[in-house]
Amino acid sequence: MNIVEKEAIRFSTYFFEGQSFCDIDYLKSTLSSKLYNFNRDKDKLYFLNVLRKEVELEKLEHEKKCTTIDCDISTEKKTGFFVIDQEIDNVNRNYEFEPYIEDKFKIEEQVDLHNKLNQIEEQLKNLGYGQEVIYNEIDELKENFNLGKKNWFQLAKGKFLDLTVSKLVEETVIKEIYSELSKGFKHLPKLIDNLQ
């Protein structure tokens, strides 16, 4: 458990304390004060997601014991969800994903993968796979090197699995493509052995 997660769990225990009834103003003020301690948007998002999960668990635990429909505590938790969700939307509006330094593609790796994707497009054309959707998927991969290695290969895996499931490209061809793309990279998601 990292520091941000510990802080979120600790904060969830007193997020609703200090008032007889917690309204939007109180919860927003309390949450904004806490978020001020985090400089990075990714930490804020992580904090908010953990906090939301904790509040949901508290609400479910309370509702197991409480027989009153829409009691004050359940209503407060719903208000908490509203405030947390607004903060998540606000942070997401300005958030741009930045992978860890060790996960970023080097320029040479991007160029190499771009060239491999061009070769794959050519091979698919030669094999008779002429559907535009295939080339759109490959072009989208060329535009997303900013995701970092792990996320990019996860995206590639998903796209290739979709092409196999929709029967646009044969499983053996997809396995060869993914194997060629991932050659030289470590700690990547593996393509599922039996795709169907």
N, C-alpha and C. Protein backbone atom coordinates (compact mmCIF):
# COMPACT_ATOMS: atom_id res chain seq x y z
N MET A 1 0.85 -1.17 0.00
CA MET A 1 0.00 0.00 0.00
C MET A 1 0.90 1.24 0.00
N ASN A 2 0.70 2.11 -0.98
CA ASN A 2 1.55 3.31 -1.05
C ASN A 2 0.99 4.43 -0.19
N ILE A 3 1.72 5.54 -0.12
CA ILE A 3 1.38 6.66 0.75
C ILE A 3 0.03 7.26 0.38
N VAL A 4 -0.21 7.44 -0.90
CA VAL A 4 -1.47 8.06 -1.35
C VAL A 4 -2.67 7.21 -0.92
N GLU A 5 -2.54 5.90 -1.10
CA GLU A 5 -3.63 4.99 -0.71
C GLU A 5 -3.86 5.04 0.80
N LYS A 6 -2.78 5.02 1.58
CA LYS A 6 -2.91 5.11 3.05
C LYS A 6 -3.61 6.41 3.45
N GLU A 7 -3.23 7.51 2.81
CA GLU A 7 -3.85 8.80 3.11
C GLU A 7 -5.33 8.79 2.78
N ALA A 8 -5.70 8.18 1.67
CA ALA A 8 -7.11 8.13 1.27
C ALA A 8 -7.93 7.31 2.26
N ILE A 9 -7.40 6.19 2.69
CA ILE A 9 -8.11 5.34 3.64
C ILE A 9 -8.25 6.06 4.99
N ARG A 10 -7.19 6.70 5.43
CA ARG A 10 -7.22 7.45 6.69
C ARG A 10 -8.22 8.61 6.59
N PHE A 11 -8.19 9.31 5.47
CA PHE A 11 -9.09 10.46 5.27
C PHE A 11 -10.55 10.02 5.24
N SER A 12 -10.83 8.85 4.69
CA SER A 12 -12.22 8.39 4.58
C SER A 12 -12.88 8.23 5.95
N THR A 13 -12.08 7.97 6.99
CA THR A 13 -12.67 7.78 8.32
C THR A 13 -13.15 9.08 8.93
N TYR A 14 -12.58 10.23 8.54
CA TYR A 14 -13.06 11.49 9.11
C TYR A 14 -13.59 12.47 8.06
N PHE A 15 -13.78 12.02 6.84
CA PHE A 15 -14.32 12.86 5.77
C PHE A 15 -15.70 13.40 6.15
N PHE A 16 -16.52 12.57 6.82
CA PHE A 16 -17.89 12.95 7.14
C PHE A 16 -18.05 13.43 8.59
N GLU A 17 -16.95 13.53 9.33
CA GLU A 17 -17.04 13.94 10.73
C GLU A 17 -16.91 15.45 10.86
N GLY A 18 -17.38 15.97 11.98
CA GLY A 18 -17.22 17.39 12.26
C GLY A 18 -18.48 18.22 12.05
N GLN A 19 -19.50 17.62 11.50
CA GLN A 19 -20.78 18.31 11.26
C GLN A 19 -21.89 17.36 11.68
N SER A 20 -23.03 17.94 12.08
CA SER A 20 -24.17 17.07 12.39
C SER A 20 -24.72 16.46 11.10
N PHE A 21 -24.66 17.22 10.01
CA PHE A 21 -25.03 16.69 8.69
C PHE A 21 -24.09 17.32 7.67
N CYS A 22 -23.45 16.50 6.89
CA CYS A 22 -22.45 16.97 5.92
C CYS A 22 -23.14 17.31 4.60
N ASP A 23 -23.11 18.57 4.26
CA ASP A 23 -23.68 18.99 2.98
C ASP A 23 -22.56 19.15 1.95
N ILE A 24 -22.95 19.55 0.75
CA ILE A 24 -21.98 19.68 -0.35
C ILE A 24 -20.88 20.68 0.00
N ASP A 25 -21.26 21.84 0.57
CA ASP A 25 -20.26 22.86 0.89
C ASP A 25 -19.19 22.33 1.84
N TYR A 26 -19.63 21.67 2.90
CA TYR A 26 -18.68 21.14 3.88
C TYR A 26 -17.77 20.07 3.26
N LEU A 27 -18.37 19.12 2.55
CA LEU A 27 -17.59 18.03 1.97
C LEU A 27 -16.62 18.55 0.90
N LYS A 28 -17.08 19.48 0.07
CA LYS A 28 -16.21 20.04 -0.97
C LYS A 28 -15.04 20.79 -0.35
N SER A 29 -15.30 21.56 0.67
CA SER A 29 -14.25 22.32 1.35
C SER A 29 -13.23 21.38 2.00
N THR A 30 -13.73 20.35 2.68
CA THR A 30 -12.85 19.38 3.34
C THR A 30 -11.99 18.65 2.31
N LEU A 31 -12.61 18.21 1.23
CA LEU A 31 -11.88 17.46 0.20
C LEU A 31 -10.87 18.36 -0.52
N SER A 32 -11.26 19.58 -0.83
CA SER A 32 -10.35 20.51 -1.51
C SER A 32 -9.12 20.79 -0.64
N SER A 33 -9.33 20.94 0.66
CA SER A 33 -8.21 21.16 1.58
C SER A 33 -7.24 19.99 1.56
N LYS A 34 -7.79 18.79 1.53
CA LYS A 34 -6.93 17.59 1.51
C LYS A 34 -6.19 17.48 0.18
N LEU A 35 -6.89 17.72 -0.93
CA LEU A 35 -6.26 17.60 -2.25
C LEU A 35 -5.15 18.62 -2.46
N TYR A 36 -5.20 19.71 -1.73
CA TYR A 36 -4.17 20.74 -1.83
C TYR A 36 -2.78 20.17 -1.49
N ASN A 37 -2.75 19.08 -0.71
CA ASN A 37 -1.48 18.46 -0.31
C ASN A 37 -0.81 17.68 -1.45
N PHE A 38 -1.53 17.43 -2.52
CA PHE A 38 -0.99 16.64 -3.64
C PHE A 38 -0.69 17.56 -4.82
N ASN A 39 0.55 17.55 -5.27
CA ASN A 39 0.94 18.38 -6.41
C ASN A 39 0.65 17.71 -7.75
N ARG A 40 0.79 16.40 -7.79
CA ARG A 40 0.62 15.67 -9.06
C ARG A 40 -0.84 15.26 -9.25
N ASP A 41 -1.32 15.48 -10.47
CA ASP A 41 -2.70 15.10 -10.79
C ASP A 41 -2.92 13.60 -10.67
N LYS A 42 -1.91 12.81 -11.03
CA LYS A 42 -2.10 11.36 -10.95
C LYS A 42 -2.25 10.92 -9.51
N ASP A 43 -1.61 11.61 -8.55
CA ASP A 43 -1.79 11.30 -7.14
C ASP A 43 -3.19 11.70 -6.67
N LYS A 44 -3.66 12.84 -7.16
CA LYS A 44 -5.02 13.28 -6.82
C LYS A 44 -6.05 12.27 -7.32
N LEU A 45 -5.88 11.83 -8.56
CA LEU A 45 -6.83 10.87 -9.12
C LEU A 45 -6.80 9.55 -8.35
N TYR A 46 -5.61 9.10 -8.02
CA TYR A 46 -5.49 7.85 -7.27
C TYR A 46 -6.15 8.00 -5.90
N PHE A 47 -5.87 9.11 -5.23
CA PHE A 47 -6.46 9.40 -3.93
C PHE A 47 -7.99 9.39 -4.02
N LEU A 48 -8.52 10.10 -5.01
CA LEU A 48 -9.97 10.21 -5.16
C LEU A 48 -10.63 8.86 -5.46
N ASN A 49 -9.98 8.05 -6.27
CA ASN A 49 -10.55 6.74 -6.59
C ASN A 49 -10.54 5.81 -5.38
N VAL A 50 -9.47 5.84 -4.60
CA VAL A 50 -9.41 5.02 -3.38
C VAL A 50 -10.45 5.54 -2.39
N LEU A 51 -10.53 6.86 -2.23
CA LEU A 51 -11.51 7.45 -1.32
C LEU A 51 -12.93 7.04 -1.71
N ARG A 52 -13.23 7.10 -3.00
CA ARG A 52 -14.58 6.73 -3.46
C ARG A 52 -14.90 5.29 -3.11
N LYS A 53 -13.91 4.42 -3.31
CA LYS A 53 -14.10 3.00 -2.99
C LYS A 53 -14.35 2.81 -1.49
N GLU A 54 -13.59 3.52 -0.66
CA GLU A 54 -13.76 3.43 0.79
C GLU A 54 -15.13 3.94 1.24
N VAL A 55 -15.57 5.05 0.68
CA VAL A 55 -16.88 5.60 1.02
C VAL A 55 -17.98 4.62 0.61
N GLU A 56 -17.80 3.99 -0.54
CA GLU A 56 -18.78 3.01 -0.99
C GLU A 56 -18.84 1.83 -0.04
N LEU A 57 -17.67 1.35 0.42
CA LEU A 57 -17.65 0.25 1.38
C LEU A 57 -18.33 0.64 2.69
N GLU A 58 -18.07 1.86 3.15
CA GLU A 58 -18.71 2.35 4.38
C GLU A 58 -20.23 2.40 4.22
N LYS A 59 -20.67 2.87 3.06
CA LYS A 59 -22.11 2.97 2.79
C LYS A 59 -22.74 1.58 2.79
N LEU A 60 -22.11 0.64 2.14
CA LEU A 60 -22.65 -0.73 2.09
C LEU A 60 -22.68 -1.37 3.47
N GLU A 61 -21.64 -1.15 4.26
CA GLU A 61 -21.60 -1.69 5.62
C GLU A 61 -22.73 -1.10 6.46
N HIS A 62 -22.92 0.19 6.33
CA HIS A 62 -23.99 0.84 7.09
C HIS A 62 -25.35 0.31 6.68
N GLU A 63 -25.58 0.16 5.37
CA GLU A 63 -26.88 -0.26 4.89
C GLU A 63 -27.20 -1.72 5.21
N LYS A 64 -26.19 -2.51 5.56
CA LYS A 64 -26.45 -3.89 6.01
C LYS A 64 -27.15 -3.88 7.36
N LYS A 65 -26.83 -2.88 8.17
CA LYS A 65 -27.36 -2.81 9.54
C LYS A 65 -28.59 -1.91 9.64
N CYS A 66 -28.65 -0.88 8.81
CA CYS A 66 -29.70 0.14 8.90
C CYS A 66 -30.93 -0.29 8.10
N THR A 67 -32.08 -0.12 8.71
CA THR A 67 -33.32 -0.49 8.02
C THR A 67 -34.06 0.72 7.47
N THR A 68 -33.59 1.92 7.81
CA THR A 68 -34.23 3.14 7.34
C THR A 68 -33.85 3.41 5.89
N ILE A 69 -34.83 3.60 5.06
CA ILE A 69 -34.57 3.89 3.65
C ILE A 69 -34.11 5.34 3.52
N ASP A 70 -33.02 5.56 2.79
CA ASP A 70 -32.44 6.89 2.59
C ASP A 70 -32.20 7.63 3.92
N CYS A 71 -31.60 6.92 4.86
CA CYS A 71 -31.28 7.55 6.15
C CYS A 71 -30.22 8.64 5.93
N ASP A 72 -29.99 9.44 6.96
CA ASP A 72 -29.06 10.56 6.84
C ASP A 72 -27.65 10.10 6.46
N ILE A 73 -27.22 8.98 7.00
CA ILE A 73 -25.85 8.51 6.71
C ILE A 73 -25.73 8.10 5.25
N SER A 74 -26.70 7.37 4.74
CA SER A 74 -26.68 6.98 3.32
C SER A 74 -26.74 8.21 2.42
N THR A 75 -27.55 9.19 2.81
CA THR A 75 -27.66 10.42 2.03
C THR A 75 -26.34 11.18 2.03
N GLU A 76 -25.67 11.22 3.20
CA GLU A 76 -24.35 11.86 3.27
C GLU A 76 -23.35 11.17 2.35
N LYS A 77 -23.37 9.86 2.35
CA LYS A 77 -22.44 9.10 1.49
C LYS A 77 -22.71 9.40 0.02
N LYS A 78 -23.99 9.50 -0.36
CA LYS A 78 -24.33 9.83 -1.74
C LYS A 78 -23.84 11.24 -2.09
N THR A 79 -23.97 12.16 -1.14
CA THR A 79 -23.45 13.51 -1.35
C THR A 79 -21.94 13.46 -1.50
N GLY A 80 -21.30 12.61 -0.70
CA GLY A 80 -19.85 12.41 -0.82
C GLY A 80 -19.46 11.91 -2.20
N PHE A 81 -20.22 10.94 -2.74
CA PHE A 81 -19.96 10.45 -4.09
C PHE A 81 -20.03 11.60 -5.10
N PHE A 82 -21.05 12.43 -4.95
CA PHE A 82 -21.24 13.56 -5.86
C PHE A 82 -20.02 14.48 -5.83
N VAL A 83 -19.57 14.83 -4.64
CA VAL A 83 -18.43 15.73 -4.48
C VAL A 83 -17.15 15.08 -5.03
N ILE A 84 -16.93 13.81 -4.71
CA ILE A 84 -15.74 13.10 -5.19
C ILE A 84 -15.75 13.01 -6.71
N ASP A 85 -16.91 12.65 -7.28
CA ASP A 85 -17.02 12.52 -8.74
C ASP A 85 -16.76 13.85 -9.44
N GLN A 86 -17.23 14.95 -8.83
CA GLN A 86 -16.96 16.27 -9.42
C GLN A 86 -15.46 16.56 -9.42
N GLU A 87 -14.79 16.21 -8.34
CA GLU A 87 -13.34 16.44 -8.26
C GLU A 87 -12.60 15.57 -9.29
N ILE A 88 -13.04 14.34 -9.44
CA ILE A 88 -12.43 13.45 -10.44
C ILE A 88 -12.58 14.06 -11.83
N ASP A 89 -13.79 14.53 -12.14
CA ASP A 89 -14.03 15.17 -13.45
C ASP A 89 -13.15 16.40 -13.63
N ASN A 90 -13.00 17.18 -12.58
CA ASN A 90 -12.20 18.39 -12.63
C ASN A 90 -10.73 18.08 -12.88
N VAL A 91 -10.19 17.10 -12.19
CA VAL A 91 -8.79 16.73 -12.38
C VAL A 91 -8.59 16.12 -13.76
N ASN A 92 -9.52 15.28 -14.18
CA ASN A 92 -9.41 14.64 -15.51
C ASN A 92 -9.42 15.66 -16.64
N ARG A 93 -10.10 16.77 -16.44
CA ARG A 93 -10.19 17.80 -17.48
C ARG A 93 -8.80 18.31 -17.88
N ASN A 94 -7.90 18.40 -16.92
CA ASN A 94 -6.57 18.95 -17.18
C ASN A 94 -5.46 17.91 -17.14
N TYR A 95 -5.82 16.67 -16.86
CA TYR A 95 -4.82 15.63 -16.66
C TYR A 95 -4.34 15.05 -17.98
N GLU A 96 -3.05 14.96 -18.12
CA GLU A 96 -2.47 14.30 -19.28
C GLU A 96 -1.55 13.21 -18.77
N PHE A 97 -1.83 11.99 -19.19
CA PHE A 97 -1.07 10.85 -18.70
C PHE A 97 0.41 11.00 -19.04
N GLU A 98 1.24 10.72 -18.07
CA GLU A 98 2.69 10.77 -18.26
C GLU A 98 3.27 9.48 -17.68
N PRO A 99 3.75 8.59 -18.54
CA PRO A 99 4.30 7.32 -18.02
C PRO A 99 5.59 7.56 -17.23
N TYR A 100 5.93 6.58 -16.41
CA TYR A 100 7.19 6.66 -15.67
C TYR A 100 8.35 6.69 -16.67
N ILE A 101 9.43 7.31 -16.28
CA ILE A 101 10.58 7.51 -17.18
C ILE A 101 11.05 6.18 -17.78
N GLU A 102 11.15 5.14 -16.95
CA GLU A 102 11.64 3.86 -17.45
C GLU A 102 10.65 3.18 -18.40
N ASP A 103 9.40 3.64 -18.41
CA ASP A 103 8.38 3.05 -19.27
C ASP A 103 8.19 3.84 -20.57
N LYS A 104 8.81 5.00 -20.67
CA LYS A 104 8.67 5.81 -21.88
C LYS A 104 9.45 5.16 -23.04
N PHE A 105 8.90 5.30 -24.23
CA PHE A 105 9.60 4.85 -25.42
C PHE A 105 10.73 5.83 -25.74
N LYS A 106 11.88 5.30 -26.08
CA LYS A 106 12.95 6.14 -26.61
C LYS A 106 12.58 6.45 -28.06
N ILE A 107 13.16 7.50 -28.60
CA ILE A 107 12.86 7.90 -29.99
C ILE A 107 13.17 6.75 -30.95
N GLU A 108 14.30 6.08 -30.72
CA GLU A 108 14.68 4.97 -31.60
C GLU A 108 13.65 3.85 -31.55
N GLU A 109 13.09 3.58 -30.36
CA GLU A 109 12.08 2.53 -30.22
C GLU A 109 10.80 2.93 -30.94
N GLN A 110 10.43 4.20 -30.85
CA GLN A 110 9.24 4.66 -31.56
C GLN A 110 9.41 4.51 -33.07
N VAL A 111 10.56 4.92 -33.56
CA VAL A 111 10.84 4.82 -35.01
C VAL A 111 10.82 3.37 -35.44
N ASP A 112 11.45 2.50 -34.63
CA ASP A 112 11.49 1.07 -34.96
C ASP A 112 10.08 0.47 -34.99
N LEU A 113 9.27 0.78 -33.98
CA LEU A 113 7.90 0.26 -33.95
C LEU A 113 7.06 0.83 -35.09
N HIS A 114 7.26 2.10 -35.40
CA HIS A 114 6.53 2.72 -36.51
C HIS A 114 6.86 2.00 -37.82
N ASN A 115 8.14 1.71 -38.03
CA ASN A 115 8.57 0.98 -39.23
C ASN A 115 8.00 -0.43 -39.25
N LYS A 116 8.00 -1.10 -38.08
CA LYS A 116 7.44 -2.45 -38.00
C LYS A 116 5.95 -2.43 -38.33
N LEU A 117 5.24 -1.42 -37.84
CA LEU A 117 3.81 -1.32 -38.13
C LEU A 117 3.56 -1.08 -39.62
N ASN A 118 4.42 -0.29 -40.26
CA ASN A 118 4.31 -0.10 -41.71
C ASN A 118 4.54 -1.42 -42.44
N GLN A 119 5.53 -2.19 -42.00
CA GLN A 119 5.81 -3.49 -42.62
C GLN A 119 4.63 -4.44 -42.41
N ILE A 120 4.04 -4.40 -41.22
CA ILE A 120 2.89 -5.26 -40.93
C ILE A 120 1.72 -4.91 -41.84
N GLU A 121 1.48 -3.62 -42.04
CA GLU A 121 0.41 -3.21 -42.97
C GLU A 121 0.66 -3.77 -44.36
N GLU A 122 1.91 -3.68 -44.80
CA GLU A 122 2.26 -4.19 -46.13
C GLU A 122 2.07 -5.70 -46.21
N GLN A 123 2.50 -6.42 -45.16
CA GLN A 123 2.35 -7.87 -45.14
C GLN A 123 0.87 -8.27 -45.16
N LEU A 124 0.06 -7.54 -44.40
CA LEU A 124 -1.37 -7.85 -44.37
C LEU A 124 -2.02 -7.62 -45.73
N LYS A 125 -1.60 -6.57 -46.42
CA LYS A 125 -2.11 -6.33 -47.78
C LYS A 125 -1.72 -7.47 -48.70
N ASN A 126 -0.46 -7.92 -48.59
CA ASN A 126 0.01 -9.02 -49.43
C ASN A 126 -0.70 -10.33 -49.12
N LEU A 127 -1.15 -10.50 -47.85
CA LEU A 127 -1.87 -11.72 -47.48
C LEU A 127 -3.36 -11.64 -47.82
N GLY A 128 -3.79 -10.48 -48.32
CA GLY A 128 -5.18 -10.35 -48.75
C GLY A 128 -6.10 -9.75 -47.70
N TYR A 129 -5.54 -9.20 -46.63
CA TYR A 129 -6.37 -8.55 -45.61
C TYR A 129 -6.48 -7.07 -45.98
N GLY A 130 -7.55 -6.70 -46.66
CA GLY A 130 -7.67 -5.35 -47.16
C GLY A 130 -8.68 -4.49 -46.44
N GLN A 131 -9.21 -4.96 -45.30
CA GLN A 131 -10.24 -4.20 -44.60
C GLN A 131 -9.65 -2.92 -44.00
N GLU A 132 -10.36 -1.85 -44.22
CA GLU A 132 -9.91 -0.54 -43.74
C GLU A 132 -9.80 -0.51 -42.22
N VAL A 133 -10.68 -1.25 -41.53
CA VAL A 133 -10.67 -1.24 -40.06
C VAL A 133 -9.32 -1.72 -39.51
N ILE A 134 -8.70 -2.66 -40.19
CA ILE A 134 -7.39 -3.17 -39.74
C ILE A 134 -6.36 -2.05 -39.80
N TYR A 135 -6.34 -1.31 -40.87
CA TYR A 135 -5.34 -0.26 -41.05
C TYR A 135 -5.62 0.94 -40.12
N ASN A 136 -6.90 1.18 -39.84
CA ASN A 136 -7.24 2.23 -38.88
C ASN A 136 -6.72 1.88 -37.49
N GLU A 137 -6.83 0.61 -37.11
CA GLU A 137 -6.33 0.16 -35.80
C GLU A 137 -4.81 0.32 -35.73
N ILE A 138 -4.13 -0.05 -36.79
CA ILE A 138 -2.67 0.07 -36.81
C ILE A 138 -2.26 1.53 -36.79
N ASP A 139 -2.96 2.37 -37.54
CA ASP A 139 -2.65 3.81 -37.53
C ASP A 139 -2.85 4.41 -36.14
N GLU A 140 -3.87 3.94 -35.43
CA GLU A 140 -4.10 4.44 -34.07
C GLU A 140 -2.95 4.05 -33.15
N LEU A 141 -2.38 2.88 -33.35
CA LEU A 141 -1.22 2.48 -32.56
C LEU A 141 -0.03 3.42 -32.81
N LYS A 142 0.12 3.85 -34.04
CA LYS A 142 1.23 4.75 -34.39
C LYS A 142 1.10 6.10 -33.67
N GLU A 143 -0.12 6.47 -33.32
CA GLU A 143 -0.37 7.78 -32.72
C GLU A 143 -0.32 7.76 -31.19
N ASN A 144 -0.09 6.60 -30.58
CA ASN A 144 -0.22 6.51 -29.13
C ASN A 144 1.04 6.05 -28.39
N PHE A 145 2.20 6.35 -28.90
CA PHE A 145 3.44 5.99 -28.21
C PHE A 145 3.58 6.74 -26.88
N ASN A 146 2.83 7.82 -26.73
CA ASN A 146 2.88 8.60 -25.49
C ASN A 146 2.32 7.83 -24.29
N LEU A 147 1.65 6.70 -24.52
CA LEU A 147 1.08 5.91 -23.43
C LEU A 147 2.14 5.20 -22.59
N GLY A 148 3.34 5.06 -23.15
CA GLY A 148 4.36 4.27 -22.46
C GLY A 148 4.31 2.84 -22.95
N LYS A 149 5.39 2.11 -22.71
CA LYS A 149 5.53 0.75 -23.26
C LYS A 149 4.43 -0.19 -22.79
N LYS A 150 4.25 -0.28 -21.48
CA LYS A 150 3.29 -1.25 -20.95
C LYS A 150 1.88 -0.98 -21.47
N ASN A 151 1.44 0.27 -21.38
CA ASN A 151 0.08 0.60 -21.83
C ASN A 151 -0.06 0.49 -23.34
N TRP A 152 1.00 0.85 -24.09
CA TRP A 152 0.93 0.75 -25.54
C TRP A 152 0.78 -0.70 -25.97
N PHE A 153 1.59 -1.59 -25.37
CA PHE A 153 1.49 -3.00 -25.73
C PHE A 153 0.16 -3.61 -25.26
N GLN A 154 -0.38 -3.10 -24.16
CA GLN A 154 -1.70 -3.55 -23.71
C GLN A 154 -2.76 -3.12 -24.73
N LEU A 155 -2.64 -1.89 -25.23
CA LEU A 155 -3.55 -1.41 -26.27
C LEU A 155 -3.41 -2.26 -27.54
N ALA A 156 -2.17 -2.52 -27.94
CA ALA A 156 -1.93 -3.35 -29.13
C ALA A 156 -2.54 -4.74 -28.95
N LYS A 157 -2.33 -5.31 -27.78
CA LYS A 157 -2.89 -6.64 -27.50
C LYS A 157 -4.41 -6.61 -27.65
N GLY A 158 -5.06 -5.61 -27.07
CA GLY A 158 -6.52 -5.51 -27.17
C GLY A 158 -7.00 -5.37 -28.60
N LYS A 159 -6.30 -4.54 -29.36
CA LYS A 159 -6.69 -4.33 -30.76
C LYS A 159 -6.53 -5.62 -31.57
N PHE A 160 -5.42 -6.32 -31.35
CA PHE A 160 -5.18 -7.56 -32.09
C PHE A 160 -6.15 -8.66 -31.68
N LEU A 161 -6.49 -8.71 -30.40
CA LEU A 161 -7.49 -9.69 -29.96
C LEU A 161 -8.84 -9.40 -30.60
N ASP A 162 -9.20 -8.12 -30.67
CA ASP A 162 -10.46 -7.74 -31.33
C ASP A 162 -10.48 -8.16 -32.79
N LEU A 163 -9.36 -7.98 -33.48
CA LEU A 163 -9.29 -8.37 -34.89
C LEU A 163 -9.45 -9.88 -35.05
N THR A 164 -8.92 -10.63 -34.08
CA THR A 164 -9.04 -12.09 -34.13
C THR A 164 -10.47 -12.52 -33.81
N VAL A 165 -11.04 -11.95 -32.76
CA VAL A 165 -12.41 -12.31 -32.35
C VAL A 165 -13.40 -11.97 -33.46
N SER A 166 -13.22 -10.84 -34.11
CA SER A 166 -14.14 -10.45 -35.19
C SER A 166 -13.81 -11.16 -36.50
N LYS A 167 -12.85 -12.04 -36.45
CA LYS A 167 -12.47 -12.89 -37.61
C LYS A 167 -11.94 -12.09 -38.79
N LEU A 168 -11.39 -10.90 -38.52
CA LEU A 168 -10.82 -10.11 -39.60
C LEU A 168 -9.41 -10.59 -39.96
N VAL A 169 -8.70 -11.12 -38.96
CA VAL A 169 -7.34 -11.64 -39.18
C VAL A 169 -7.22 -12.96 -38.43
N GLU A 170 -6.52 -13.91 -39.04
CA GLU A 170 -6.37 -15.22 -38.41
C GLU A 170 -5.47 -15.15 -37.17
N GLU A 171 -5.73 -16.05 -36.24
CA GLU A 171 -5.01 -16.09 -34.97
C GLU A 171 -3.50 -16.23 -35.16
N THR A 172 -3.09 -17.11 -36.08
CA THR A 172 -1.64 -17.32 -36.28
C THR A 172 -0.96 -16.05 -36.78
N VAL A 173 -1.64 -15.29 -37.62
CA VAL A 173 -1.08 -14.04 -38.15
C VAL A 173 -0.93 -13.03 -37.01
N ILE A 174 -1.94 -12.93 -36.16
CA ILE A 174 -1.90 -12.00 -35.02
C ILE A 174 -0.77 -12.36 -34.07
N LYS A 175 -0.59 -13.63 -33.80
CA LYS A 175 0.49 -14.06 -32.90
C LYS A 175 1.85 -13.67 -33.47
N GLU A 176 2.03 -13.85 -34.77
CA GLU A 176 3.29 -13.46 -35.41
C GLU A 176 3.51 -11.95 -35.32
N ILE A 177 2.45 -11.19 -35.57
CA ILE A 177 2.55 -9.73 -35.53
C ILE A 177 2.95 -9.28 -34.12
N TYR A 178 2.25 -9.78 -33.10
CA TYR A 178 2.53 -9.35 -31.73
C TYR A 178 3.93 -9.78 -31.31
N SER A 179 4.32 -10.97 -31.71
CA SER A 179 5.67 -11.45 -31.39
C SER A 179 6.73 -10.56 -32.01
N GLU A 180 6.52 -10.16 -33.26
CA GLU A 180 7.47 -9.29 -33.96
C GLU A 180 7.54 -7.91 -33.30
N LEU A 181 6.39 -7.37 -32.95
CA LEU A 181 6.36 -6.05 -32.32
C LEU A 181 7.04 -6.05 -30.95
N SER A 182 6.82 -7.08 -30.17
CA SER A 182 7.32 -7.10 -28.80
C SER A 182 8.76 -7.59 -28.68
N LYS A 183 9.34 -7.99 -29.78
CA LYS A 183 10.72 -8.47 -29.76
C LYS A 183 11.65 -7.37 -29.24
N GLY A 184 12.44 -7.71 -28.22
CA GLY A 184 13.39 -6.77 -27.66
C GLY A 184 12.86 -5.98 -26.47
N PHE A 185 11.57 -6.09 -26.18
CA PHE A 185 10.99 -5.40 -25.02
C PHE A 185 10.76 -6.41 -23.90
N LYS A 186 10.99 -5.95 -22.65
CA LYS A 186 10.84 -6.84 -21.49
C LYS A 186 9.61 -6.44 -20.69
N HIS A 187 9.10 -7.41 -19.92
CA HIS A 187 8.01 -7.19 -18.97
C HIS A 187 6.76 -6.61 -19.64
N LEU A 188 6.35 -7.24 -20.72
CA LEU A 188 5.17 -6.78 -21.45
C LEU A 188 4.04 -7.78 -21.27
N PRO A 189 2.80 -7.34 -21.49
CA PRO A 189 1.69 -8.30 -21.43
C PRO A 189 1.83 -9.31 -22.56
N LYS A 190 1.63 -10.56 -22.22
CA LYS A 190 1.73 -11.63 -23.22
C LYS A 190 0.40 -11.77 -23.94
N LEU A 191 0.47 -12.12 -25.21
CA LEU A 191 -0.74 -12.39 -25.97
C LEU A 191 -1.29 -13.73 -25.48
N ILE A 192 -2.58 -13.86 -25.37
CA ILE A 192 -3.20 -15.09 -24.88
C ILE A 192 -2.87 -16.21 -25.85
N ASP A 193 -2.42 -17.36 -25.29
CA ASP A 193 -1.99 -18.48 -26.12
C ASP A 193 -3.09 -18.96 -27.05
N ASN A 194 -4.25 -19.24 -26.50
CA ASN A 194 -5.36 -19.70 -27.33
C ASN A 194 -6.40 -18.59 -27.36
N LEU A 195 -6.43 -17.85 -28.45
CA LEU A 195 -7.26 -16.66 -28.54
C LEU A 195 -8.74 -16.95 -28.63
N GLN A 196 -9.12 -18.15 -29.05
CA GLN A 196 -10.55 -18.40 -29.28
C GLN A 196 -11.15 -19.35 -28.30
